[in-house]
């Protein structure tokens, strides 16, 4: 499998499948799976929601940047699931595109809302949404603010239900 990149960063909005596909791809390529948010939670001994509520977004974003750099140093190969906002702060996107291959998971908004409607209370940005259409509105605003960053990705997966073969074909030519 030498023709595949050794460091793969998965980005996209919440619900896009970053954690799911991160685990699947890591297993498939025999790479470690790294969840950036979990790394932050372990380092801080708090959930992401608690960090946002108690320390603020600025503190969270600094820890996110530090953890991103540290995990890259600690592992020679990996598939990493990044938080939806990770590419948008500091020089994170430039840094990730230089360190490995960035794959943007971009299913349709309606698919994201369907996935997120249950369990939304665990997601600070949508926990107060009252319907799927409100979730779509929130996600659409998020996408608008993040698009310039996400567009810098090496690869984009727009299929709502991709397969391992989808990723293999894209990554083989990355």
N, C-alpha and C. Protein backbone atom coordinates (compact mmCIF):
# COMPACT_ATOMS: atom_id res chain seq x y z
N UNK A 1 0.81 -1.20 0.00
CA UNK A 1 0.00 0.00 0.00
C UNK A 1 0.85 1.25 0.00
N UNK A 2 2.06 1.17 -0.47
CA UNK A 2 2.97 2.30 -0.46
C UNK A 2 2.48 3.48 -1.28
N UNK A 3 1.53 3.25 -2.18
CA UNK A 3 1.06 4.33 -3.03
C UNK A 3 0.02 5.22 -2.33
N UNK A 4 -0.35 4.89 -1.11
CA UNK A 4 -1.33 5.69 -0.39
C UNK A 4 -0.61 6.66 0.55
N UNK A 5 -1.22 7.84 0.79
CA UNK A 5 -0.61 8.78 1.73
C UNK A 5 -0.53 8.18 3.13
N UNK A 6 0.46 8.60 3.90
CA UNK A 6 0.64 8.06 5.25
C UNK A 6 -0.07 8.89 6.32
N UNK A 7 -0.43 10.12 5.99
CA UNK A 7 -1.15 10.97 6.95
C UNK A 7 -2.38 11.53 6.25
N UNK A 8 -3.54 11.12 6.76
CA UNK A 8 -4.81 11.50 6.15
C UNK A 8 -5.63 12.25 7.19
N UNK A 9 -5.99 13.48 6.86
CA UNK A 9 -6.81 14.32 7.74
C UNK A 9 -8.22 14.38 7.14
N UNK A 10 -9.22 14.01 7.92
CA UNK A 10 -10.61 14.09 7.47
C UNK A 10 -11.25 15.33 8.08
N UNK A 11 -11.82 16.17 7.20
CA UNK A 11 -12.50 17.38 7.66
C UNK A 11 -13.92 17.41 7.11
N UNK A 12 -14.73 18.28 7.65
CA UNK A 12 -16.10 18.46 7.20
C UNK A 12 -16.97 18.88 8.35
N UNK A 13 -18.20 19.20 8.02
CA UNK A 13 -19.15 19.60 9.05
C UNK A 13 -19.49 18.44 9.97
N UNK A 14 -20.04 18.75 11.13
CA UNK A 14 -20.49 17.71 12.05
C UNK A 14 -21.48 16.80 11.32
N UNK A 15 -21.37 15.51 11.58
CA UNK A 15 -22.27 14.56 10.95
C UNK A 15 -21.84 14.08 9.57
N UNK A 16 -20.71 14.58 9.10
CA UNK A 16 -20.28 14.22 7.74
C UNK A 16 -19.66 12.82 7.67
N UNK A 17 -19.35 12.23 8.82
CA UNK A 17 -18.81 10.88 8.82
C UNK A 17 -17.32 10.81 9.09
N UNK A 18 -16.75 11.86 9.63
CA UNK A 18 -15.30 11.89 9.86
C UNK A 18 -14.85 10.79 10.81
N UNK A 19 -15.55 10.62 11.92
CA UNK A 19 -15.17 9.58 12.88
C UNK A 19 -15.43 8.19 12.31
N UNK A 20 -16.58 8.01 11.70
CA UNK A 20 -16.91 6.71 11.12
C UNK A 20 -15.88 6.33 10.05
N UNK A 21 -15.68 7.23 9.09
CA UNK A 21 -14.75 6.90 8.00
C UNK A 21 -13.31 6.87 8.48
N UNK A 22 -13.00 7.65 9.50
CA UNK A 22 -11.65 7.58 10.06
C UNK A 22 -11.34 6.19 10.57
N UNK A 23 -12.28 5.62 11.31
CA UNK A 23 -12.09 4.25 11.83
C UNK A 23 -12.00 3.23 10.70
N UNK A 24 -12.90 3.35 9.73
CA UNK A 24 -12.93 2.41 8.61
C UNK A 24 -11.63 2.46 7.80
N UNK A 25 -11.19 3.66 7.49
CA UNK A 25 -9.97 3.80 6.68
C UNK A 25 -8.73 3.37 7.46
N UNK A 26 -8.68 3.71 8.74
CA UNK A 26 -7.54 3.29 9.55
C UNK A 26 -7.45 1.77 9.59
N UNK A 27 -8.56 1.12 9.80
CA UNK A 27 -8.59 -0.34 9.81
C UNK A 27 -8.14 -0.88 8.45
N UNK A 28 -8.69 -0.32 7.39
CA UNK A 28 -8.40 -0.79 6.03
C UNK A 28 -6.92 -0.65 5.68
N UNK A 29 -6.33 0.49 6.03
CA UNK A 29 -4.93 0.76 5.69
C UNK A 29 -3.94 0.30 6.77
N UNK A 30 -4.45 -0.24 7.88
CA UNK A 30 -3.61 -0.65 9.01
C UNK A 30 -2.84 0.54 9.58
N UNK A 31 -3.54 1.67 9.71
CA UNK A 31 -2.99 2.90 10.29
C UNK A 31 -3.67 3.11 11.65
N UNK A 32 -3.03 3.83 12.54
CA UNK A 32 -3.74 4.24 13.76
C UNK A 32 -4.87 5.22 13.40
N UNK A 33 -5.97 5.14 14.14
CA UNK A 33 -7.04 6.12 14.00
C UNK A 33 -6.90 7.12 15.13
N UNK A 34 -6.87 8.38 14.78
CA UNK A 34 -6.76 9.45 15.77
C UNK A 34 -7.98 10.36 15.66
N UNK A 35 -8.65 10.58 16.76
CA UNK A 35 -9.78 11.50 16.81
C UNK A 35 -9.27 12.74 17.55
N UNK A 36 -9.15 13.84 16.83
CA UNK A 36 -8.57 15.05 17.42
C UNK A 36 -9.35 15.51 18.64
N UNK A 37 -10.68 15.50 18.56
CA UNK A 37 -11.48 15.91 19.72
C UNK A 37 -11.23 15.01 20.93
N UNK A 38 -11.12 13.70 20.70
CA UNK A 38 -10.85 12.77 21.82
C UNK A 38 -9.47 13.07 22.42
N UNK A 39 -8.50 13.38 21.58
CA UNK A 39 -7.18 13.74 22.06
C UNK A 39 -7.21 14.96 22.97
N UNK A 40 -8.02 15.94 22.58
CA UNK A 40 -8.17 17.15 23.40
C UNK A 40 -8.86 16.80 24.72
N UNK A 41 -9.91 15.99 24.64
CA UNK A 41 -10.63 15.61 25.86
C UNK A 41 -9.72 14.87 26.84
N UNK A 42 -8.88 14.00 26.32
CA UNK A 42 -7.95 13.26 27.19
C UNK A 42 -6.95 14.22 27.83
N UNK A 43 -6.39 15.12 27.03
CA UNK A 43 -5.40 16.07 27.54
C UNK A 43 -6.01 17.01 28.59
N UNK A 44 -7.24 17.43 28.36
CA UNK A 44 -7.90 18.39 29.24
C UNK A 44 -8.69 17.74 30.38
N UNK A 45 -8.93 16.42 30.25
CA UNK A 45 -9.75 15.70 31.24
C UNK A 45 -11.15 16.31 31.35
N UNK A 46 -11.68 16.77 30.20
CA UNK A 46 -13.03 17.35 30.12
C UNK A 46 -13.58 17.04 28.74
N UNK A 47 -14.91 17.06 28.63
CA UNK A 47 -15.52 16.89 27.31
C UNK A 47 -15.37 18.20 26.53
N UNK A 48 -15.54 18.11 25.22
CA UNK A 48 -15.48 19.30 24.37
C UNK A 48 -16.53 20.32 24.84
N UNK A 49 -17.73 19.84 25.14
CA UNK A 49 -18.79 20.73 25.61
C UNK A 49 -18.38 21.45 26.89
N UNK A 50 -17.78 20.71 27.83
CA UNK A 50 -17.32 21.32 29.08
C UNK A 50 -16.22 22.35 28.83
N UNK A 51 -15.31 22.06 27.91
CA UNK A 51 -14.24 23.01 27.60
C UNK A 51 -14.84 24.29 27.04
N UNK A 52 -15.77 24.15 26.07
CA UNK A 52 -16.43 25.34 25.51
C UNK A 52 -17.13 26.15 26.60
N UNK A 53 -17.88 25.46 27.46
CA UNK A 53 -18.67 26.15 28.49
C UNK A 53 -17.80 26.77 29.58
N UNK A 54 -16.75 26.07 30.01
CA UNK A 54 -15.95 26.52 31.15
C UNK A 54 -14.76 27.39 30.76
N UNK A 55 -14.15 27.09 29.62
CA UNK A 55 -12.92 27.77 29.25
C UNK A 55 -13.08 28.71 28.05
N UNK A 56 -14.13 28.48 27.26
CA UNK A 56 -14.37 29.32 26.09
C UNK A 56 -13.77 28.73 24.83
N UNK A 57 -14.26 29.22 23.70
CA UNK A 57 -13.79 28.70 22.42
C UNK A 57 -12.32 29.00 22.16
N UNK A 58 -11.84 30.17 22.59
CA UNK A 58 -10.43 30.52 22.37
C UNK A 58 -9.49 29.50 22.99
N UNK A 59 -9.77 29.11 24.22
CA UNK A 59 -8.97 28.10 24.90
C UNK A 59 -9.03 26.77 24.15
N UNK A 60 -10.26 26.39 23.76
CA UNK A 60 -10.42 25.15 23.02
C UNK A 60 -9.60 25.16 21.73
N UNK A 61 -9.66 26.25 20.97
CA UNK A 61 -8.96 26.31 19.68
C UNK A 61 -7.45 26.24 19.86
N UNK A 62 -6.94 26.82 20.92
CA UNK A 62 -5.50 26.72 21.20
C UNK A 62 -5.11 25.28 21.53
N UNK A 63 -5.91 24.62 22.37
CA UNK A 63 -5.64 23.21 22.70
C UNK A 63 -5.76 22.33 21.45
N UNK A 64 -6.71 22.65 20.59
CA UNK A 64 -6.91 21.91 19.35
C UNK A 64 -5.65 22.00 18.48
N UNK A 65 -5.12 23.21 18.34
CA UNK A 65 -3.91 23.42 17.54
C UNK A 65 -2.72 22.66 18.14
N UNK A 66 -2.55 22.76 19.45
CA UNK A 66 -1.45 22.07 20.13
C UNK A 66 -1.55 20.56 19.95
N UNK A 67 -2.75 20.03 20.12
CA UNK A 67 -2.97 18.58 20.00
C UNK A 67 -2.74 18.11 18.57
N UNK A 68 -3.20 18.88 17.60
CA UNK A 68 -2.98 18.56 16.19
C UNK A 68 -1.48 18.41 15.90
N UNK A 69 -0.70 19.37 16.33
CA UNK A 69 0.75 19.33 16.11
C UNK A 69 1.41 18.18 16.86
N UNK A 70 0.97 17.95 18.10
CA UNK A 70 1.57 16.89 18.91
C UNK A 70 1.29 15.52 18.33
N UNK A 71 0.05 15.26 17.92
CA UNK A 71 -0.28 13.96 17.35
C UNK A 71 0.50 13.72 16.05
N UNK A 72 0.68 14.76 15.27
CA UNK A 72 1.47 14.63 14.05
C UNK A 72 2.91 14.23 14.36
N UNK A 73 3.47 14.78 15.43
CA UNK A 73 4.83 14.42 15.85
C UNK A 73 4.90 12.99 16.36
N UNK A 74 3.85 12.57 17.08
CA UNK A 74 3.86 11.28 17.75
C UNK A 74 3.64 10.08 16.82
N UNK A 75 3.05 10.32 15.65
CA UNK A 75 2.70 9.21 14.74
C UNK A 75 3.28 9.46 13.35
N UNK A 76 3.87 8.42 12.77
CA UNK A 76 4.42 8.54 11.41
C UNK A 76 3.36 8.32 10.35
N UNK A 77 2.28 7.66 10.72
CA UNK A 77 1.15 7.47 9.80
C UNK A 77 -0.12 7.41 10.62
N UNK A 78 -1.23 7.87 10.02
CA UNK A 78 -2.51 7.87 10.72
C UNK A 78 -3.62 8.30 9.79
N UNK A 79 -4.84 8.04 10.26
CA UNK A 79 -6.04 8.68 9.72
C UNK A 79 -6.60 9.47 10.90
N UNK A 80 -6.75 10.79 10.71
CA UNK A 80 -7.21 11.65 11.79
C UNK A 80 -8.55 12.29 11.45
N UNK A 81 -9.48 12.14 12.36
CA UNK A 81 -10.76 12.84 12.29
C UNK A 81 -10.59 14.17 13.00
N UNK A 82 -10.78 15.27 12.25
CA UNK A 82 -10.62 16.61 12.82
C UNK A 82 -11.99 17.21 13.14
N UNK A 83 -12.02 18.11 14.08
CA UNK A 83 -13.26 18.83 14.37
C UNK A 83 -13.64 19.67 13.17
N UNK A 84 -14.93 19.96 13.04
CA UNK A 84 -15.41 20.71 11.89
C UNK A 84 -14.77 22.08 11.74
N UNK A 85 -14.41 22.72 12.85
CA UNK A 85 -13.80 24.04 12.80
C UNK A 85 -12.29 24.04 12.74
N UNK A 86 -11.68 22.88 12.91
CA UNK A 86 -10.21 22.80 12.96
C UNK A 86 -9.52 23.55 11.82
N UNK A 87 -9.94 23.37 10.56
CA UNK A 87 -9.22 24.04 9.46
C UNK A 87 -9.31 25.56 9.49
N UNK A 88 -10.24 26.12 10.26
CA UNK A 88 -10.56 27.54 10.18
C UNK A 88 -9.79 28.42 11.16
N UNK A 89 -8.94 27.85 11.98
CA UNK A 89 -8.26 28.61 13.01
C UNK A 89 -6.75 28.49 12.87
N UNK A 90 -6.08 29.56 13.29
CA UNK A 90 -4.62 29.65 13.20
C UNK A 90 -4.20 29.33 11.77
N UNK A 91 -3.13 28.57 11.62
CA UNK A 91 -2.68 28.16 10.28
C UNK A 91 -2.99 26.68 10.07
N UNK A 92 -4.00 26.16 10.76
CA UNK A 92 -4.26 24.72 10.76
C UNK A 92 -4.43 24.13 9.36
N UNK A 93 -5.17 24.80 8.49
CA UNK A 93 -5.42 24.22 7.16
C UNK A 93 -4.13 24.18 6.34
N UNK A 94 -3.39 25.27 6.33
CA UNK A 94 -2.11 25.28 5.61
C UNK A 94 -1.19 24.20 6.17
N UNK A 95 -1.18 24.08 7.47
CA UNK A 95 -0.32 23.12 8.14
C UNK A 95 -0.72 21.68 7.78
N UNK A 96 -2.03 21.39 7.79
CA UNK A 96 -2.48 20.03 7.47
C UNK A 96 -2.22 19.70 6.00
N UNK A 97 -2.44 20.65 5.09
CA UNK A 97 -2.21 20.35 3.67
C UNK A 97 -0.72 20.11 3.40
N UNK A 98 0.15 20.70 4.21
CA UNK A 98 1.59 20.45 4.05
C UNK A 98 2.01 19.13 4.70
N UNK A 99 1.33 18.74 5.78
CA UNK A 99 1.72 17.54 6.54
C UNK A 99 1.18 16.24 5.96
N UNK A 100 0.10 16.31 5.20
CA UNK A 100 -0.53 15.09 4.68
C UNK A 100 -1.57 15.41 3.64
N UNK A 101 -2.53 14.51 3.49
CA UNK A 101 -3.61 14.70 2.53
C UNK A 101 -4.89 15.03 3.30
N UNK A 102 -5.53 16.12 2.92
CA UNK A 102 -6.75 16.55 3.57
C UNK A 102 -7.94 16.13 2.70
N UNK A 103 -8.86 15.37 3.30
CA UNK A 103 -10.05 14.89 2.60
C UNK A 103 -11.27 15.54 3.24
N UNK A 104 -12.03 16.26 2.41
CA UNK A 104 -13.25 16.92 2.88
C UNK A 104 -14.43 16.02 2.60
N UNK A 105 -15.12 15.61 3.66
CA UNK A 105 -16.35 14.82 3.54
C UNK A 105 -17.51 15.80 3.46
N UNK A 106 -18.22 15.78 2.31
CA UNK A 106 -19.24 16.79 2.05
C UNK A 106 -20.56 16.18 1.55
N UNK A 107 -21.26 15.44 2.41
CA UNK A 107 -22.57 14.94 2.01
C UNK A 107 -23.58 16.09 1.96
N UNK A 108 -24.73 15.89 1.32
CA UNK A 108 -25.75 16.95 1.27
C UNK A 108 -26.21 17.37 2.67
N UNK A 109 -26.60 18.63 2.80
CA UNK A 109 -27.05 19.19 4.08
C UNK A 109 -28.20 18.39 4.69
N UNK A 110 -29.13 17.97 3.85
CA UNK A 110 -30.29 17.24 4.36
C UNK A 110 -29.86 15.92 5.01
N UNK A 111 -28.85 15.27 4.43
CA UNK A 111 -28.32 14.02 4.99
C UNK A 111 -27.68 14.31 6.35
N UNK A 112 -26.91 15.41 6.42
CA UNK A 112 -26.29 15.79 7.70
C UNK A 112 -27.35 16.01 8.77
N UNK A 113 -28.40 16.75 8.43
CA UNK A 113 -29.45 17.05 9.41
C UNK A 113 -30.13 15.78 9.90
N UNK A 114 -30.38 14.84 8.98
CA UNK A 114 -30.99 13.56 9.38
C UNK A 114 -30.09 12.82 10.36
N UNK A 115 -28.80 12.85 10.11
CA UNK A 115 -27.86 12.16 10.99
C UNK A 115 -27.76 12.83 12.35
N UNK A 116 -27.92 14.15 12.39
CA UNK A 116 -27.66 14.91 13.60
C UNK A 116 -28.87 15.12 14.50
N UNK A 117 -30.07 14.91 13.98
CA UNK A 117 -31.26 15.24 14.75
C UNK A 117 -31.33 14.46 16.06
N UNK A 118 -30.87 13.22 16.07
CA UNK A 118 -30.77 12.49 17.34
C UNK A 118 -29.35 12.67 17.86
N UNK A 119 -29.22 12.98 19.09
CA UNK A 119 -27.90 13.20 19.68
C UNK A 119 -27.39 14.62 19.56
N UNK A 120 -28.23 15.54 19.13
CA UNK A 120 -27.79 16.92 18.91
C UNK A 120 -27.39 17.63 20.20
N UNK A 121 -27.89 17.13 21.35
CA UNK A 121 -27.56 17.77 22.62
C UNK A 121 -26.07 17.66 22.94
N UNK A 122 -25.37 16.74 22.30
CA UNK A 122 -23.93 16.58 22.52
C UNK A 122 -23.12 17.53 21.64
N UNK A 123 -23.80 18.28 20.80
CA UNK A 123 -23.12 19.17 19.85
C UNK A 123 -23.49 20.61 20.16
N UNK A 124 -22.56 21.36 20.75
CA UNK A 124 -22.87 22.71 21.24
C UNK A 124 -23.50 23.64 20.18
N UNK A 125 -23.10 23.51 18.95
CA UNK A 125 -23.57 24.46 17.94
C UNK A 125 -25.00 24.20 17.47
N UNK A 126 -25.54 23.00 17.70
CA UNK A 126 -26.90 22.70 17.24
C UNK A 126 -27.82 22.21 18.36
N UNK A 127 -27.33 22.20 19.58
CA UNK A 127 -28.12 21.57 20.65
C UNK A 127 -29.48 22.23 20.87
N UNK A 128 -29.64 23.50 20.50
CA UNK A 128 -30.91 24.18 20.71
C UNK A 128 -31.81 24.19 19.47
N UNK A 129 -31.38 23.55 18.39
CA UNK A 129 -32.20 23.50 17.18
C UNK A 129 -33.46 22.69 17.46
N UNK A 130 -34.60 23.18 16.94
CA UNK A 130 -35.88 22.53 17.22
C UNK A 130 -36.35 21.59 16.11
N UNK A 131 -35.67 21.60 14.97
CA UNK A 131 -36.11 20.76 13.85
C UNK A 131 -34.94 20.49 12.91
N UNK A 132 -35.15 19.54 12.00
CA UNK A 132 -34.13 19.26 10.98
C UNK A 132 -33.88 20.49 10.12
N UNK A 133 -34.93 21.25 9.82
CA UNK A 133 -34.73 22.44 8.98
C UNK A 133 -33.90 23.50 9.70
N UNK A 134 -34.05 23.61 11.01
CA UNK A 134 -33.20 24.53 11.78
C UNK A 134 -31.75 24.05 11.76
N UNK A 135 -31.56 22.74 11.84
CA UNK A 135 -30.20 22.19 11.76
C UNK A 135 -29.60 22.51 10.40
N UNK A 136 -30.38 22.36 9.33
CA UNK A 136 -29.90 22.70 7.98
C UNK A 136 -29.50 24.17 7.92
N UNK A 137 -30.31 25.05 8.52
CA UNK A 137 -29.99 26.49 8.52
C UNK A 137 -28.67 26.76 9.23
N UNK A 138 -28.49 26.15 10.39
CA UNK A 138 -27.25 26.33 11.16
C UNK A 138 -26.06 25.79 10.37
N UNK A 139 -26.21 24.60 9.81
CA UNK A 139 -25.12 24.00 9.03
C UNK A 139 -24.80 24.83 7.79
N UNK A 140 -25.81 25.39 7.17
CA UNK A 140 -25.59 26.22 5.98
C UNK A 140 -24.78 27.47 6.32
N UNK A 141 -25.09 28.09 7.46
CA UNK A 141 -24.30 29.25 7.90
C UNK A 141 -22.86 28.85 8.23
N UNK A 142 -22.73 27.70 8.90
CA UNK A 142 -21.38 27.20 9.21
C UNK A 142 -20.60 26.96 7.93
N UNK A 143 -21.24 26.30 6.96
CA UNK A 143 -20.57 26.00 5.70
C UNK A 143 -20.12 27.28 5.01
N UNK A 144 -20.98 28.27 5.01
CA UNK A 144 -20.62 29.54 4.38
C UNK A 144 -19.37 30.14 5.01
N UNK A 145 -19.26 30.06 6.33
CA UNK A 145 -18.11 30.64 7.02
C UNK A 145 -16.85 29.79 6.87
N UNK A 146 -17.01 28.52 6.57
CA UNK A 146 -15.87 27.61 6.50
C UNK A 146 -15.44 27.25 5.08
N UNK A 147 -16.23 27.63 4.11
CA UNK A 147 -16.02 27.19 2.73
C UNK A 147 -14.63 27.52 2.20
N UNK A 148 -14.15 28.72 2.46
CA UNK A 148 -12.83 29.11 1.95
C UNK A 148 -11.73 28.19 2.47
N UNK A 149 -11.89 27.70 3.68
CA UNK A 149 -10.90 26.78 4.26
C UNK A 149 -11.08 25.38 3.69
N UNK A 150 -12.31 24.89 3.72
CA UNK A 150 -12.59 23.54 3.23
C UNK A 150 -12.19 23.38 1.76
N UNK A 151 -12.35 24.45 0.99
CA UNK A 151 -12.01 24.39 -0.44
C UNK A 151 -10.53 24.16 -0.70
N UNK A 152 -9.70 24.29 0.32
CA UNK A 152 -8.26 24.05 0.16
C UNK A 152 -7.89 22.57 0.29
N UNK A 153 -8.88 21.73 0.53
CA UNK A 153 -8.64 20.29 0.68
C UNK A 153 -8.06 19.71 -0.60
N UNK A 154 -7.28 18.65 -0.43
CA UNK A 154 -6.75 17.93 -1.59
C UNK A 154 -7.85 17.16 -2.31
N UNK A 155 -8.76 16.57 -1.53
CA UNK A 155 -9.80 15.70 -2.08
C UNK A 155 -11.15 16.03 -1.44
N UNK A 156 -12.22 15.82 -2.21
CA UNK A 156 -13.58 16.04 -1.71
C UNK A 156 -14.41 14.79 -2.00
N UNK A 157 -15.10 14.29 -0.97
CA UNK A 157 -16.02 13.17 -1.13
C UNK A 157 -17.42 13.74 -0.91
N UNK A 158 -18.18 13.85 -2.00
CA UNK A 158 -19.52 14.44 -1.91
C UNK A 158 -20.63 13.40 -1.82
N UNK A 159 -20.28 12.15 -2.00
CA UNK A 159 -21.29 11.10 -1.91
C UNK A 159 -21.82 11.00 -0.48
N UNK A 160 -23.13 10.87 -0.30
CA UNK A 160 -23.65 10.74 1.06
C UNK A 160 -23.27 9.40 1.71
N UNK A 161 -23.10 8.36 0.87
CA UNK A 161 -22.77 7.04 1.39
C UNK A 161 -21.63 6.44 0.58
N UNK A 162 -20.41 6.95 0.77
CA UNK A 162 -19.28 6.41 0.01
C UNK A 162 -18.90 5.00 0.47
N UNK A 163 -17.97 4.41 -0.23
CA UNK A 163 -17.45 3.09 0.12
C UNK A 163 -15.94 3.19 0.31
N UNK A 164 -15.37 2.14 0.84
CA UNK A 164 -13.90 2.08 0.95
C UNK A 164 -13.28 2.30 -0.42
N UNK A 165 -13.88 1.71 -1.45
CA UNK A 165 -13.36 1.85 -2.82
C UNK A 165 -13.35 3.31 -3.27
N UNK A 166 -14.37 4.06 -2.86
CA UNK A 166 -14.42 5.50 -3.17
C UNK A 166 -13.15 6.17 -2.65
N UNK A 167 -12.83 5.90 -1.41
CA UNK A 167 -11.64 6.51 -0.78
C UNK A 167 -10.36 5.99 -1.40
N UNK A 168 -10.29 4.69 -1.63
CA UNK A 168 -9.09 4.12 -2.25
C UNK A 168 -8.79 4.78 -3.58
N UNK A 169 -9.81 4.91 -4.41
CA UNK A 169 -9.62 5.51 -5.74
C UNK A 169 -9.14 6.95 -5.64
N UNK A 170 -9.70 7.71 -4.73
CA UNK A 170 -9.26 9.09 -4.55
C UNK A 170 -7.85 9.18 -3.98
N UNK A 171 -7.60 8.40 -2.92
CA UNK A 171 -6.31 8.48 -2.24
C UNK A 171 -5.16 7.92 -3.07
N UNK A 172 -5.46 6.99 -3.94
CA UNK A 172 -4.42 6.41 -4.79
C UNK A 172 -3.78 7.49 -5.68
N UNK A 173 -4.55 8.50 -6.02
CA UNK A 173 -4.07 9.55 -6.92
C UNK A 173 -3.76 10.86 -6.19
N UNK A 174 -3.74 10.80 -4.86
CA UNK A 174 -3.49 12.03 -4.09
C UNK A 174 -2.02 12.43 -4.13
